[in-house]
Amino acid sequence: MRGTVFGTAALPESGRNQEARVRQRVYLDWSGWQAAPRPTALLPVIQQALWADGRLKLRYLLPFFTEIERAVDPLGIVAKADHWHLVYRDQGWLRVIGIDEILEAQPTGEMFTRPPDFDLERFWQAYCRGRNENRPACPVRVRLATRLIPFLAYLFGIETLNPDDIPAPSHEGEWIECMLQFESLEAARQQLMALGQAVEVIEPLPLRWSICDYAHQILQRYEGAAGQN
């Protein structure tokens, strides 16, 4: 389903102009990334800045919980299934961030000039194509405790999951096999080790062996520390 569903032929010129203005700022993309609905408490503040072409000061988290603040030009918002994204310009670069990832958004009181050639729908479609072309390239077959199934998207993120490979919850057993996608063996090892006994890597074998080696080293370290107390 297309996000821009307004019929413009029967509208007066003022109505067509307003419809075009909305279309350049809001886009609805109903195709899913299998994400659960996310908090959108900051959406009204961001919308107000969009209509006024006003700059925003954003505070958000980088990986490893590093906070950053940036003054940006909000260009549009996109709803991908139930997940809202902000498309913005930062020092000349076009970027995308999930609105649920933003910790704080405040108007700066400054105005900015929108790029005259910016088209929200065209940008978003190109952005999605880029995501698909750069999908993670390290598939991992695992055995998972069934109690983790409802939390897979939260634990691993959208990019890591291939929804077609996630079985439906079953009460017949405590474990299921499925495929997960990671950017590298190192990324897979880091995320899977955090689950402890709730996951077992089946293949690739180098990853399985690496996790076993890390677990053995950790065990040795803590056994030695326990002996010193």
Protein backbone atom coordinates (compact mmCIF):
# COMPACT_ATOMS: atom_id res chain seq x y z
CA MET A 1 0.00 0.00 0.00
CA ARG A 2 1.36 3.39 -0.92
CA GLY A 3 1.70 5.96 1.83
CA THR A 4 0.50 8.87 -0.31
CA VAL A 5 -3.11 7.94 -1.00
CA PHE A 6 -4.68 11.35 -1.42
CA GLY A 7 -6.58 12.10 -4.61
CA THR A 8 -5.51 15.51 -5.88
CA ALA A 9 -7.34 15.92 -9.19
CA ALA A 10 -10.58 17.16 -7.61
CA LEU A 11 -8.91 19.47 -5.10
CA PRO A 12 -8.66 23.22 -5.56
CA GLU A 13 -5.18 24.60 -6.08
CA SER A 14 -4.79 25.55 -2.40
CA GLY A 15 -5.77 22.02 -1.40
CA ARG A 16 -3.29 20.48 -3.83
CA ASN A 17 -0.53 22.68 -2.45
CA GLN A 18 -1.34 21.61 1.11
CA GLU A 19 -1.47 17.94 0.11
CA ALA A 20 1.95 18.25 -1.52
CA ARG A 21 3.33 19.92 1.59
CA VAL A 22 2.08 17.08 3.81
CA ARG A 23 3.39 14.43 1.40
CA GLN A 24 6.88 15.91 1.61
CA ARG A 25 6.85 15.62 5.40
CA VAL A 26 4.91 12.44 6.24
CA TYR A 27 5.13 9.07 4.52
CA LEU A 28 3.39 5.83 5.51
CA ASP A 29 5.14 2.58 4.55
CA TRP A 30 2.94 -0.37 5.53
CA SER A 31 5.40 -3.10 4.52
CA GLY A 32 6.80 -4.55 7.73
CA TRP A 33 10.22 -4.98 9.24
CA GLN A 34 8.49 -7.18 11.83
CA ALA A 35 8.90 -4.57 14.54
CA ALA A 36 6.56 -4.26 17.49
CA PRO A 37 4.89 -0.87 18.09
CA ARG A 38 7.38 1.58 19.62
CA PRO A 39 6.92 4.54 21.99
CA THR A 40 6.25 7.82 20.16
CA ALA A 41 5.99 10.38 22.98
CA LEU A 42 8.23 12.83 21.08
CA LEU A 43 6.23 12.62 17.86
CA PRO A 44 4.11 15.79 18.48
CA VAL A 45 7.24 17.90 19.12
CA ILE A 46 8.87 16.60 15.96
CA GLN A 47 5.70 17.13 13.90
CA GLN A 48 5.43 20.73 15.05
CA ALA A 49 9.03 21.38 13.96
CA LEU A 50 8.33 19.75 10.59
CA TRP A 51 5.38 22.01 9.79
CA ALA A 52 7.32 25.11 10.82
CA ASP A 53 10.62 24.12 9.15
CA GLY A 54 12.25 24.65 12.53
CA ARG A 55 15.52 23.14 13.70
CA LEU A 56 15.55 20.56 16.49
CA LYS A 57 18.11 19.70 19.13
CA LEU A 58 18.15 15.91 19.42
CA ARG A 59 19.68 13.87 22.21
CA TYR A 60 20.08 10.16 21.50
CA LEU A 61 22.24 7.14 22.23
CA LEU A 62 25.07 5.81 20.13
CA PRO A 63 26.20 2.17 20.50
CA PHE A 64 27.62 1.33 23.92
CA PHE A 65 25.30 3.89 25.56
CA THR A 66 27.19 7.02 24.51
CA GLU A 67 24.87 10.03 24.51
CA ILE A 68 25.15 12.66 21.79
CA GLU A 69 23.40 15.96 21.07
CA ARG A 70 22.96 17.41 17.59
CA ALA A 71 21.08 20.36 16.13
CA VAL A 72 19.40 19.00 12.98
CA ASP A 73 16.96 19.94 10.23
CA PRO A 74 13.90 17.65 10.36
CA LEU A 75 12.77 16.89 6.82
CA GLY A 76 10.11 14.20 7.25
CA ILE A 77 8.68 11.39 9.30
CA VAL A 78 7.95 7.89 8.03
CA ALA A 79 5.85 5.16 9.64
CA LYS A 80 7.37 1.79 8.70
CA ALA A 81 4.62 -0.57 9.85
CA ASP A 82 4.23 0.63 13.49
CA HIS A 83 7.73 2.09 13.83
CA TRP A 84 8.14 5.84 13.29
CA HIS A 85 11.36 7.23 11.80
CA LEU A 86 12.70 10.76 11.49
CA VAL A 87 14.49 11.74 8.29
CA TYR A 88 16.75 14.68 9.00
CA ARG A 89 19.71 16.65 7.68
CA ASP A 90 22.83 16.94 9.82
CA GLN A 91 25.72 19.04 8.48
CA GLY A 92 24.61 18.39 4.91
CA TRP A 93 24.07 14.64 5.33
CA LEU A 94 20.66 12.98 5.16
CA ARG A 95 20.14 10.54 8.02
CA VAL A 96 17.40 8.36 9.54
CA ILE A 97 16.74 7.58 13.20
CA GLY A 98 13.94 5.71 14.93
CA ILE A 99 11.89 8.16 16.95
CA ASP A 100 11.88 5.67 19.83
CA GLU A 101 15.69 5.95 19.87
CA ILE A 102 15.57 9.71 20.57
CA LEU A 103 15.87 10.57 24.25
CA GLU A 104 14.97 14.25 23.91
CA ALA A 105 13.86 16.62 21.14
CA GLN A 106 13.61 20.37 21.64
CA PRO A 107 13.07 23.21 19.15
CA THR A 108 16.08 25.53 18.88
CA GLY A 109 14.04 28.53 17.75
CA GLU A 110 15.98 28.64 14.47
CA MET A 111 14.51 28.14 11.02
CA PHE A 112 16.05 26.27 8.10
CA THR A 113 15.47 26.11 4.36
CA ARG A 114 14.31 22.75 3.04
CA PRO A 115 16.30 21.32 0.11
CA PRO A 116 14.20 22.20 -2.96
CA ASP A 117 14.90 18.83 -4.61
CA PHE A 118 14.17 16.67 -1.55
CA ASP A 119 11.40 14.11 -2.13
CA LEU A 120 10.51 12.13 1.00
CA GLU A 121 8.97 9.12 -0.73
CA ARG A 122 11.83 8.78 -3.22
CA PHE A 123 14.43 9.12 -0.46
CA TRP A 124 12.72 6.51 1.72
CA GLN A 125 12.42 3.96 -1.06
CA ALA A 126 16.13 4.38 -1.85
CA TYR A 127 16.96 4.05 1.85
CA CYS A 128 14.99 0.80 2.11
CA ARG A 129 16.68 -0.58 -1.01
CA GLY A 130 20.04 0.18 0.55
CA ARG A 131 19.09 -1.68 3.73
CA ASN A 132 18.01 -4.73 1.74
CA GLU A 133 21.17 -4.72 -0.36
CA ASN A 134 23.34 -4.56 2.76
CA ARG A 135 21.65 -7.24 4.81
CA PRO A 136 23.82 -9.05 7.36
CA ALA A 137 25.91 -11.77 5.75
CA CYS A 138 26.55 -14.23 8.59
CA PRO A 139 23.72 -16.78 9.05
CA VAL A 140 23.76 -18.74 12.31
CA ARG A 141 21.65 -21.80 13.13
CA VAL A 142 20.79 -21.98 16.80
CA ARG A 143 18.71 -23.87 19.32
CA LEU A 144 16.72 -21.41 21.40
CA ALA A 145 14.71 -21.80 24.56
CA THR A 146 11.09 -21.32 23.51
CA ARG A 147 10.57 -18.75 26.25
CA LEU A 148 12.76 -16.36 24.23
CA ILE A 149 10.56 -16.36 21.11
CA PRO A 150 8.38 -13.37 22.10
CA PHE A 151 11.54 -11.34 22.82
CA LEU A 152 13.60 -12.11 19.72
CA ALA A 153 13.04 -8.73 18.03
CA TYR A 154 13.96 -6.94 21.26
CA LEU A 155 17.04 -9.09 21.90
CA PHE A 156 18.51 -9.14 18.42
CA GLY A 157 16.95 -6.25 16.51
CA ILE A 158 15.21 -6.15 13.17
CA GLU A 159 18.35 -6.60 11.07
CA THR A 160 19.29 -9.85 12.82
CA LEU A 161 15.97 -11.61 12.28
CA ASN A 162 14.66 -13.40 9.22
CA PRO A 163 10.97 -13.68 10.19
CA ASP A 164 10.42 -16.64 7.83
CA ASP A 165 12.90 -18.67 9.86
CA ILE A 166 11.31 -18.04 13.27
CA PRO A 167 8.92 -20.88 14.22
CA ALA A 168 5.64 -20.17 15.91
CA PRO A 169 5.67 -20.79 19.68
CA SER A 170 4.91 -24.39 20.55
CA HIS A 171 4.18 -26.17 23.81
CA GLU A 172 5.53 -29.48 22.51
CA GLY A 173 9.11 -28.83 23.61
CA GLU A 174 11.34 -26.40 25.42
CA TRP A 175 13.67 -25.78 22.44
CA ILE A 176 13.33 -24.76 18.80
CA GLU A 177 15.81 -24.42 15.96
CA CYS A 178 15.96 -21.29 13.83
CA MET A 179 18.25 -19.14 11.71
CA LEU A 180 19.52 -15.75 12.83
CA GLN A 181 21.48 -13.25 10.73
CA PHE A 182 24.47 -11.26 11.97
CA GLU A 183 26.96 -8.88 10.42
CA SER A 184 29.93 -11.05 11.44
CA LEU A 185 31.00 -13.97 13.61
CA GLU A 186 32.24 -11.50 16.20
CA ALA A 187 28.85 -9.77 16.39
CA ALA A 188 27.09 -13.13 16.64
CA ARG A 189 29.39 -14.30 19.44
CA GLN A 190 28.91 -11.09 21.42
CA GLN A 191 25.11 -11.17 21.25
CA LEU A 192 24.61 -14.90 21.70
CA MET A 193 26.93 -15.26 24.67
CA ALA A 194 24.75 -12.77 26.54
CA LEU A 195 21.93 -15.35 26.52
CA GLY A 196 23.91 -17.94 28.46
CA GLN A 197 22.27 -21.36 28.59
CA ALA A 198 19.16 -20.17 26.72
CA VAL A 199 20.87 -20.60 23.33
CA GLU A 200 23.12 -23.16 21.65
CA VAL A 201 24.94 -22.51 18.38
CA ILE A 202 24.67 -25.42 15.96
CA GLU A 203 26.53 -23.94 13.03
CA PRO A 204 28.80 -22.51 11.77
CA LEU A 205 31.25 -24.64 13.71
CA PRO A 206 33.93 -21.91 14.02
CA LEU A 207 31.41 -19.79 15.95
CA ARG A 208 30.43 -22.73 18.15
CA TRP A 209 34.08 -23.47 18.92
CA SER A 210 34.82 -19.81 19.60
CA ILE A 211 31.96 -19.53 22.10
CA CYS A 212 33.11 -22.71 23.81
CA ASP A 213 36.63 -21.30 24.08
CA TYR A 214 35.40 -17.99 25.50
CA ALA A 215 33.16 -19.77 27.99
CA HIS A 216 36.06 -21.96 29.10
CA GLN A 217 38.31 -18.92 29.60
CA ILE A 218 35.62 -17.14 31.63
CA LEU A 219 35.05 -20.22 33.76
CA GLN A 220 38.76 -20.55 34.45
CA ARG A 221 38.99 -16.90 35.41
CA TYR A 222 36.13 -17.02 37.86
CA GLU A 223 37.13 -20.35 39.33
CA GLY A 224 40.55 -18.84 40.09
CA ALA A 225 38.96 -15.75 41.61
CA ALA A 226 36.66 -17.87 43.79
CA GLY A 227 39.66 -19.77 45.10
CA GLN A 228 41.32 -16.53 46.24
CA ASN A 229 38.36 -15.44 48.42
